[in-house]
Protein backbone atom coordinates (compact mmCIF):
# COMPACT_ATOMS: atom_id res chain seq x y z
CA MET A 1 37.64 4.33 29.87
CA ALA A 2 39.45 7.33 28.40
CA LEU A 3 36.43 8.46 26.38
CA THR A 4 34.21 8.23 29.45
CA ALA A 5 36.52 10.52 31.40
CA TYR A 6 36.54 13.11 28.63
CA ARG A 7 32.78 12.90 28.09
CA ARG A 8 32.26 13.64 31.78
CA LEU A 9 34.70 16.53 31.51
CA PHE A 10 32.89 18.14 28.57
CA LYS A 11 29.59 18.00 30.44
CA ILE A 12 30.90 20.46 33.04
CA PRO A 13 29.47 23.93 32.21
CA GLY A 14 32.08 26.33 30.88
CA VAL A 15 34.87 23.79 30.31
CA PRO A 16 34.47 23.26 26.52
CA THR A 17 34.32 27.02 25.89
CA LEU A 18 37.35 27.68 28.10
CA LEU A 19 39.43 25.04 26.33
CA LEU A 20 38.44 26.38 22.89
CA VAL A 21 39.21 30.01 23.80
CA GLY A 22 42.48 28.92 25.40
CA LEU A 23 43.52 27.05 22.27
CA LEU A 24 42.71 29.97 19.96
CA ALA A 25 44.60 32.39 22.21
CA ARG A 26 47.63 30.12 22.52
CA VAL A 27 48.25 29.74 18.78
CA PRO A 28 49.35 33.39 18.24
CA SER A 29 51.13 33.32 21.62
CA VAL A 30 53.40 30.44 20.61
CA ALA A 31 53.91 31.97 17.15
CA THR A 32 55.58 35.07 18.63
CA GLY A 33 59.00 33.52 19.28
CA MET A 34 59.43 32.10 15.79
CA ALA A 35 58.11 35.28 14.17
CA LEU A 36 60.56 37.51 16.03
CA THR A 37 63.48 35.15 15.37
CA LEU A 38 62.84 35.01 11.63
CA TYR A 39 62.08 38.72 11.44
CA VAL A 40 65.44 39.69 12.97
CA ALA A 41 67.47 37.01 11.19
CA GLU A 42 65.88 37.09 7.72
CA VAL A 43 63.93 40.33 7.27
CA MET A 44 66.31 42.64 9.13
CA LYS A 45 69.28 40.55 7.86
CA LEU A 46 71.00 40.65 11.28
CA GLY A 47 71.66 36.93 11.59
CA TYR A 48 70.63 34.37 14.16
CA GLY A 49 73.02 35.67 16.80
CA LYS A 50 71.04 38.91 17.10
CA ALA A 51 67.85 36.88 16.87
CA GLY A 52 69.03 34.97 19.91
CA LEU A 53 69.20 38.25 21.85
CA ILE A 54 65.58 38.91 20.99
CA THR A 55 64.62 35.45 22.19
CA MET A 56 66.55 35.97 25.42
CA ALA A 57 64.88 39.34 26.06
CA SER A 58 61.44 37.84 25.53
CA THR A 59 62.19 34.82 27.73
CA VAL A 60 63.55 36.92 30.60
CA GLY A 61 60.54 39.22 30.41
CA MET A 62 58.07 36.34 30.48
CA ALA A 63 59.94 34.56 33.29
CA ILE A 64 59.63 37.66 35.48
CA GLY A 65 56.16 38.64 34.37
CA SER A 66 54.43 35.27 34.63
CA PRO A 67 54.22 35.08 38.45
CA LEU A 68 53.50 38.83 38.65
CA SER A 69 50.53 38.47 36.32
CA GLY A 70 49.33 35.49 38.31
CA ARG A 71 49.57 37.45 41.54
CA PHE A 72 47.56 40.32 40.07
CA VAL A 73 44.91 37.84 38.87
CA ASP A 74 44.70 36.49 42.43
CA ARG A 75 44.25 39.99 43.81
CA TYR A 76 42.23 41.87 41.19
CA GLY A 77 40.63 39.19 39.05
CA LEU A 78 41.05 38.01 35.48
CA ARG A 79 39.59 40.86 33.44
CA PRO A 80 41.83 43.76 34.50
CA VAL A 81 45.03 41.76 33.99
CA VAL A 82 43.99 40.37 30.61
CA ALA A 83 42.79 43.82 29.47
CA VAL A 84 46.13 45.46 30.30
CA THR A 85 48.25 42.70 28.74
CA THR A 86 46.06 42.65 25.61
CA LEU A 87 46.55 46.39 25.12
CA VAL A 88 50.32 46.04 25.55
CA GLN A 89 50.48 43.22 23.01
CA ALA A 90 48.41 45.19 20.53
CA ALA A 91 50.74 48.19 20.85
CA PHE A 92 53.89 46.09 20.53
CA TRP A 93 52.89 44.07 17.48
CA ALA A 94 51.51 47.15 15.74
CA SER A 95 54.84 48.98 16.05
CA ALA A 96 57.57 46.30 16.33
CA TRP A 97 58.24 46.27 12.58
CA ALA A 98 59.20 49.98 12.66
CA LEU A 99 61.66 49.79 15.58
CA PRO A 100 65.44 49.73 15.20
CA PHE A 101 67.13 46.71 16.71
CA PRO A 102 68.14 48.19 20.13
CA ALA A 103 64.63 49.55 20.67
CA LEU A 104 63.15 46.23 19.48
CA VAL A 105 65.14 44.35 22.13
CA ALA A 106 63.86 46.66 24.89
CA ALA A 107 60.29 46.56 23.61
CA THR A 108 60.41 42.77 23.35
CA ALA A 109 61.46 42.51 26.99
CA VAL A 110 58.52 44.73 28.02
CA ALA A 111 56.14 42.72 25.83
CA GLY A 112 57.39 39.54 27.48
CA LEU A 113 56.96 41.05 30.93
CA LEU A 114 53.34 41.90 30.07
CA ALA A 115 52.61 38.87 27.91
CA LEU A 116 49.04 37.63 27.66
CA PRO A 117 48.85 35.06 30.51
CA VAL A 118 46.80 32.61 28.51
CA PHE A 119 48.64 29.48 29.67
CA SER A 120 48.44 30.13 33.41
CA VAL A 121 44.95 31.67 33.28
CA THR A 122 43.50 28.73 31.35
CA ARG A 123 44.89 26.26 33.87
CA GLN A 124 43.81 28.38 36.83
CA CYS A 125 40.26 28.57 35.49
CA LEU A 126 40.22 24.85 34.79
CA ALA A 127 41.14 24.20 38.41
CA ALA A 128 38.20 26.37 39.47
CA LEU A 129 35.66 24.76 37.13
CA VAL A 130 36.66 21.10 37.41
CA PRO A 131 36.32 18.96 40.56
CA VAL A 132 39.54 17.61 42.04
CA SER A 133 38.69 14.07 40.93
CA GLN A 134 38.56 15.15 37.27
CA ARG A 135 41.44 17.61 37.15
CA ARG A 136 43.95 15.04 35.90
CA SER A 137 41.83 14.47 32.79
CA ALA A 138 41.35 18.23 32.38
CA PHE A 139 45.04 19.04 32.58
CA ALA A 140 45.96 16.13 30.33
CA LEU A 141 43.55 17.46 27.71
CA ASP A 142 44.96 20.95 28.23
CA SER A 143 48.49 19.63 27.60
CA MET A 144 47.25 17.99 24.41
CA LEU A 145 45.84 21.31 23.23
CA VAL A 146 49.16 22.97 24.05
CA GLU A 147 50.83 20.44 21.75
CA LEU A 148 48.37 21.36 18.99
CA SER A 149 49.10 25.05 19.43
CA TYR A 150 52.85 24.37 19.13
CA MET A 151 52.23 22.38 15.97
CA VAL A 152 50.25 25.24 14.40
CA GLY A 153 51.68 28.48 15.80
CA PRO A 154 55.35 28.29 14.68
CA ALA A 155 54.30 26.89 11.30
CA VAL A 156 52.00 29.86 10.77
CA ALA A 157 54.84 32.24 11.70
CA VAL A 158 57.23 30.60 9.23
CA ALA A 159 54.65 30.64 6.44
CA GLY A 160 53.78 34.26 7.15
CA ILE A 161 57.35 35.58 7.22
CA THR A 162 58.36 33.70 4.07
CA THR A 163 55.28 34.50 2.00
CA LEU A 164 53.69 37.71 3.34
CA GLY A 165 56.60 39.51 4.97
CA GLY A 166 57.49 40.66 8.47
CA ARG A 167 55.11 43.61 8.81
CA GLU A 168 52.06 41.67 7.68
CA THR A 169 52.89 38.64 9.83
CA MET A 170 53.34 40.80 12.92
CA ALA A 171 50.00 42.45 12.23
CA ILE A 172 48.29 39.05 11.98
CA ILE A 173 49.86 37.88 15.24
CA GLY A 174 48.81 41.09 16.96
CA VAL A 175 45.22 40.68 15.76
CA GLY A 176 45.24 37.08 16.94
CA LEU A 177 46.46 38.09 20.40
CA VAL A 178 43.82 40.81 20.67
CA ILE A 179 41.08 38.37 19.66
CA GLY A 180 42.38 35.85 22.20
CA GLY A 181 42.49 38.47 24.94
CA LEU A 182 38.99 39.70 24.14
CA GLY A 183 37.77 36.11 24.19
CA LEU A 184 39.17 35.60 27.69
CA ILE A 185 37.66 38.91 28.86
CA MET A 186 34.22 38.08 27.46
CA LEU A 187 34.32 34.55 28.84
CA ASN A 188 35.49 35.79 32.26
CA ALA A 189 35.83 32.26 33.58
CA PRO A 190 36.06 31.96 37.37
CA THR A 191 39.53 31.68 38.88
CA ARG A 192 38.16 30.15 42.08
CA ALA A 193 35.51 27.54 42.72
CA ALA A 194 32.38 28.57 44.62
CA ASP A 195 33.62 27.02 47.85
CA GLU A 196 36.98 28.80 47.47
CA LEU A 197 35.63 32.35 47.23
CA VAL A 198 36.01 32.83 50.99
CA GLU A 199 39.77 32.96 50.43
CA GLN A 200 39.44 36.06 48.25
CA ALA A 201 39.23 38.37 51.25
CA VAL A 202 42.13 36.73 53.09
CA ARG A 203 45.71 37.23 52.02
CA VAL A 204 47.51 33.91 51.76
CA PRO A 205 51.10 34.10 53.10
CA ARG A 206 53.69 32.62 50.76
CA ARG A 207 55.24 30.58 53.56
CA GLN A 208 52.02 28.57 53.60
CA TRP A 209 52.61 27.15 50.12
CA LEU A 210 56.08 28.20 48.86
CA THR A 211 57.74 25.27 50.62
CA PRO A 212 60.87 23.24 49.76
CA ALA A 213 58.57 20.58 48.32
CA PHE A 214 56.95 23.15 46.01
CA VAL A 215 60.36 24.42 44.90
CA ALA A 216 61.34 20.81 44.18
CA LEU A 217 58.20 20.50 42.06
CA LEU A 218 59.25 23.57 40.07
CA GLY A 219 62.69 22.02 39.62
CA THR A 220 61.21 18.85 38.14
CA ALA A 221 59.01 20.92 35.80
CA ALA A 222 62.15 22.76 34.64
CA ALA A 223 63.89 19.41 34.17
CA ALA A 224 61.05 18.26 31.91
CA THR A 225 61.47 21.23 29.55
CA PHE A 226 65.25 20.80 29.71
CA VAL A 227 64.81 17.27 28.35
CA LEU A 228 62.31 18.36 25.71
CA THR A 229 64.30 21.36 24.46
CA ALA A 230 67.56 19.40 24.21
CA SER A 231 65.75 16.56 22.44
CA GLU A 232 64.19 18.97 19.96
CA LEU A 233 67.54 20.57 19.12
CA SER A 234 69.21 17.17 18.82
CA LEU A 235 66.50 15.87 16.50
CA VAL A 236 66.77 18.92 14.25
CA ALA A 237 70.58 18.66 14.23
CA THR A 238 70.40 14.98 13.26
CA ILE A 239 68.12 15.76 10.33
CA ASN A 240 70.24 18.72 9.21
CA GLN A 241 73.42 16.63 9.30
CA ALA A 242 71.73 14.17 6.96
CA GLY A 243 70.87 16.98 4.55
CA ASP A 244 67.13 16.32 4.85
CA GLU A 245 66.00 19.67 6.25
CA GLN A 246 62.70 19.39 4.39
CA TRP A 247 61.65 16.59 6.76
CA VAL A 248 62.06 18.56 9.99
CA GLY A 249 58.39 19.46 10.10
CA LEU A 250 57.28 15.87 9.63
CA ALA A 251 59.59 14.58 12.35
CA MET A 252 58.46 17.24 14.79
CA ALA A 253 54.81 16.51 14.01
CA ALA A 254 55.39 12.81 14.72
CA TRP A 255 56.98 13.66 18.06
CA CYS A 256 54.04 15.90 18.98
CA LEU A 257 51.70 13.08 17.99
CA TYR A 258 53.42 10.78 20.47
CA SER A 259 52.76 13.33 23.21
CA LEU A 260 49.12 13.69 22.17
CA VAL A 261 48.56 9.94 22.37
CA GLY A 262 50.29 9.72 25.73
CA GLY A 263 48.26 12.61 27.13
CA PHE A 264 45.00 11.09 25.87
CA VAL A 265 45.72 7.74 27.52
CA TYR A 266 46.95 9.29 30.76
CA GLY A 267 43.91 11.53 31.10
CA GLY A 268 41.61 8.53 30.85
CA MET A 269 43.41 6.40 33.44
CA SER A 270 41.62 5.67 36.71
CA ARG A 271 44.67 6.69 38.73
CA GLY A 272 47.43 9.18 38.08
CA LEU A 273 51.18 8.89 38.56
CA SER A 274 53.67 11.04 40.39
CA PRO A 275 55.28 13.69 38.16
CA LEU A 276 58.64 12.52 39.54
CA ALA A 277 58.06 9.04 38.18
CA LEU A 278 56.88 10.38 34.81
CA ILE A 279 59.77 12.83 34.37
CA ALA A 280 62.34 10.27 35.51
CA GLY A 281 60.88 7.79 33.03
CA MET A 282 61.00 10.35 30.23
CA GLY A 283 64.64 11.07 31.06
CA LEU A 284 65.65 7.42 31.18
CA LEU A 285 63.93 6.70 27.87
CA THR A 286 65.66 9.70 26.24
CA VAL A 287 69.21 8.57 27.10
CA PRO A 288 69.42 5.69 24.54
CA VAL A 289 67.84 7.70 21.69
CA GLY A 290 71.29 8.92 20.71
CA LEU A 291 72.25 5.40 19.65
CA ALA A 292 70.07 5.85 16.55
CA VAL A 293 71.59 9.14 15.32
CA GLY A 294 72.92 7.47 12.18
CA ASP A 295 69.45 7.79 10.62
CA TRP A 296 66.99 10.52 11.62
CA ARG A 297 64.05 8.24 10.85
CA TRP A 298 65.22 5.80 13.51
CA VAL A 299 65.74 8.73 15.89
CA THR A 300 62.15 9.85 15.31
CA LEU A 301 60.93 6.34 16.05
CA ALA A 302 63.20 5.98 19.07
CA LEU A 303 61.61 9.10 20.58
CA LEU A 304 58.26 7.29 20.79
CA PRO A 305 58.55 5.94 24.39
CA ALA A 306 59.81 9.23 25.85
CA GLY A 307 57.37 11.22 23.72
CA LEU A 308 54.42 9.32 25.15
CA LEU A 309 55.37 10.67 28.59
CA CYS A 310 55.69 14.31 27.53
CA ALA A 311 52.11 15.55 27.99
CA PRO A 312 51.50 13.35 31.06
CA SER A 313 54.63 14.70 32.75
CA LEU A 314 53.71 18.35 32.25
CA SER A 315 50.02 17.88 33.12
CA ALA A 316 50.94 15.98 36.29
CA THR A 317 53.03 18.91 37.54
CA VAL A 318 50.11 21.29 36.95
CA ASP A 319 47.74 18.95 38.78
CA VAL A 320 50.05 18.86 41.80
CA VAL A 321 50.24 22.67 41.88
CA THR A 322 46.45 22.91 42.16
CA ARG A 323 46.43 20.34 44.96
CA TRP A 324 49.21 21.90 47.02
CA VAL A 325 48.50 25.61 46.67
CA PRO A 326 45.51 27.44 48.20
CA ALA A 327 43.08 28.97 45.74
CA GLY A 328 43.98 32.48 46.88
CA ALA A 329 47.55 32.04 45.59
CA ARG A 330 46.92 29.71 42.68
CA GLY A 331 47.53 32.34 40.02
CA GLU A 332 50.96 33.25 41.37
CA ALA A 333 51.84 29.57 41.77
CA MET A 334 50.80 28.87 38.17
CA GLY A 335 52.96 31.80 37.12
CA LEU A 336 55.96 30.35 38.95
CA HIS A 337 55.26 27.03 37.26
CA GLY A 338 55.36 28.79 33.89
CA THR A 339 58.61 30.48 34.85
CA ALA A 340 60.11 27.09 35.72
CA LEU A 341 59.12 25.72 32.31
CA LEU A 342 60.71 28.72 30.58
CA ALA A 343 63.86 28.45 32.68
CA GLY A 344 64.34 24.78 31.84
CA GLY A 345 64.15 25.46 28.13
CA ALA A 346 66.33 28.58 28.33
CA VAL A 347 69.10 26.76 30.18
CA SER A 348 68.87 23.70 27.97
CA ALA A 349 69.26 25.42 24.60
CA PRO A 350 72.86 26.73 24.91
CA ILE A 351 74.07 23.62 26.76
CA ALA A 352 72.60 21.23 24.24
CA GLY A 353 73.81 23.39 21.37
CA ALA A 354 77.38 23.34 22.67
CA ILE A 355 77.32 19.55 23.05
CA ILE A 356 75.85 19.10 19.57
CA ASP A 357 78.61 21.26 18.09
CA GLY A 358 81.36 19.56 20.09
CA SER A 359 80.34 15.91 20.37
CA GLY A 360 77.27 15.41 18.22
CA PRO A 361 73.50 15.12 18.82
CA GLY A 362 73.78 11.62 20.28
CA TRP A 363 75.54 12.91 23.37
CA ALA A 364 73.02 15.73 23.69
CA PHE A 365 70.21 13.16 23.95
CA ALA A 366 72.16 11.33 26.66
CA LEU A 367 72.85 14.52 28.62
CA ALA A 368 69.22 15.61 28.41
CA GLY A 369 67.95 12.34 29.83
CA LEU A 370 70.55 12.20 32.60
CA VAL A 371 69.78 15.78 33.69
CA GLY A 372 66.10 14.88 33.98
CA VAL A 373 66.86 11.83 36.14
CA ALA A 374 69.35 13.78 38.28
CA MET A 375 66.85 16.55 38.96
CA VAL A 376 64.28 14.00 40.09
CA ALA A 377 66.85 12.45 42.41
CA VAL A 378 67.56 15.89 43.92
CA ALA A 379 63.84 16.58 44.39
CA LEU A 380 63.00 13.23 45.94
CA PRO A 381 64.05 14.01 49.58
CA PHE A 382 61.98 17.20 49.54
CA TRP A 383 59.05 15.42 47.93
CA ARG A 384 58.70 13.20 50.98
CA HIS A 385 57.69 16.28 52.99
CA ARG A 386 54.98 17.32 50.56
CA PRO A 387 51.59 18.52 51.88
CA GLU A 388 49.22 15.74 52.85
CA THR A 389 46.06 17.67 52.01
CA PRO A 390 45.01 18.74 48.50
CA ALA A 391 44.61 22.38 49.44
CA PHE A 392 45.23 24.81 52.24
CA THR A 393 42.87 27.14 54.05
CA PRO A 394 43.81 30.70 54.94
CA ALA A 395 45.54 31.26 58.25
CA PRO A 396 42.98 32.40 60.84
CA THR A 397 43.04 35.97 62.03
CA GLU A 398 43.42 36.75 65.73
CA GLU A 399 39.69 37.41 66.08
CA ARG A 400 38.80 34.17 64.30
CA GLY A 401 41.33 32.29 66.40
CA ALA A 402 39.83 33.68 69.60
CA ARG A 403 36.36 32.65 68.50
CA GLU A 404 37.57 29.16 67.65
CA GLU A 405 39.25 28.83 71.07
CA ALA A 406 36.07 30.00 72.80
CA THR A 407 34.01 27.51 70.85
CA VAL A 408 36.35 24.68 71.78
CA ALA A 409 36.18 25.69 75.46
CA GLU A 410 32.38 25.82 75.37
CA GLU A 411 32.18 22.40 73.74
CA ARG A 412 34.56 20.95 76.34
CA ALA A 413 32.50 22.43 79.19
CA ALA A 414 29.30 21.06 77.68
CA ARG A 415 30.79 17.57 77.41
CA GLU A 416 31.95 17.69 81.04
CA GLU A 417 28.54 18.88 82.19
CA ALA A 418 26.79 16.10 80.27
CA ALA A 419 29.15 13.52 81.75
CA VAL A 420 28.55 14.80 85.29
CA SER A 421 24.78 14.86 84.90
CA ALA A 422 24.77 11.30 83.59
CA ALA A 423 26.89 9.98 86.50
CA VAL A 424 25.91 9.17 90.10
CA PRO A 425 25.58 12.43 92.09
CA VAL A 426 28.52 13.22 94.35
CA PRO A 427 27.50 15.40 97.35
CA ALA A 428 31.00 16.80 97.85
CA ARG A 429 30.85 18.46 94.40
CA PRO A 430 27.50 20.17 93.91
CA GLN A 431 26.72 21.36 90.41
CA THR A 432 25.96 24.95 89.67
CA PRO A 433 22.63 25.30 87.91
CA ALA A 434 22.78 26.71 84.42
CA PRO A 435 21.63 30.32 84.12
CA THR A 436 18.23 30.95 82.60
CA LEU A 437 16.93 33.90 80.60
CA GLU A 438 14.09 35.79 82.18
């Protein structure tokens, strides 16, 4: 059943190419964080505290820039936005190695603000190319490819910094981002389906889609990355406490593999599940993982049930965004979704780190799972007021509304006239003959 769903997906024109270009562009994008962290901490010899400032600057920039880029894509199209962000990334990565630390922090924030929007653009284009009935499979496959990019990108950054040096690694990342941006520009995949192009000329008011239910959806997406980030830090801390740092890569790869398997199965299912149910399940299954912290191998195995729900949880939130938000605002909504994912991870890291230092990684696993469940509980009342239809249409203008009212009145008059003509004639109420054209 799963293979059939994916075979049907790959037969849709443009989908295989979009997924391939998206994967190639994401690998250097996810390598940026690790490269900057290691460059500041190891090459510049400023320590991981200063490296944390770089990470914060990049995260804040991307959190602000993601919905802005999406809004510009909605308004001006894909090519202009990708062209500008590609040029900015090329300039940053060509010069970052020569900047002193204060200037590097400022430049990193600007580079984050104008980051290549490969994640949101790929998903937005998938929503335009793929019918609603197949989007769950498409987004599940997209989440699987995201996992692959996170398996490759940071590893490439580590290998580059340790073997080639900071300047060379930054140059390679910059070239990769430029190639990815050019690939997206040349592909120029549609951001709206053919039947959604009518929305391009009509501005979609935010109040039409930025509802309490949508905000609750963003909160659950943030909760998912909160759970994942805290679990990642706790797993690494467990391995480091055992003195087996050389096995961190293997353990992380196994965890990513769990997510890949879960995403593959979920994408092939005949029916999807609510993201609330998936994220709550991931949280509940994360809570008891801390019981195995005595041996990191048991921790890695204990992450299997929650790991299987990782890709399905994230892909389900993306699928809901495309169903709830009109096509004319889909880019901005995808950007807000990306901001929510970033925010969940950014909030999780210092909280989980403090708990690991104070009480141990076992308690960090428990907290991560409980936060995920609590966020779902908070979102549930709002979720009950979610939109009933998969998409919205633009609000009618006054002229269009007047025409619609006139049409309704004409149809009502025609029905009354037909009913009168079909009934027995009543002399007290003579009918007025219809006018004729001469």
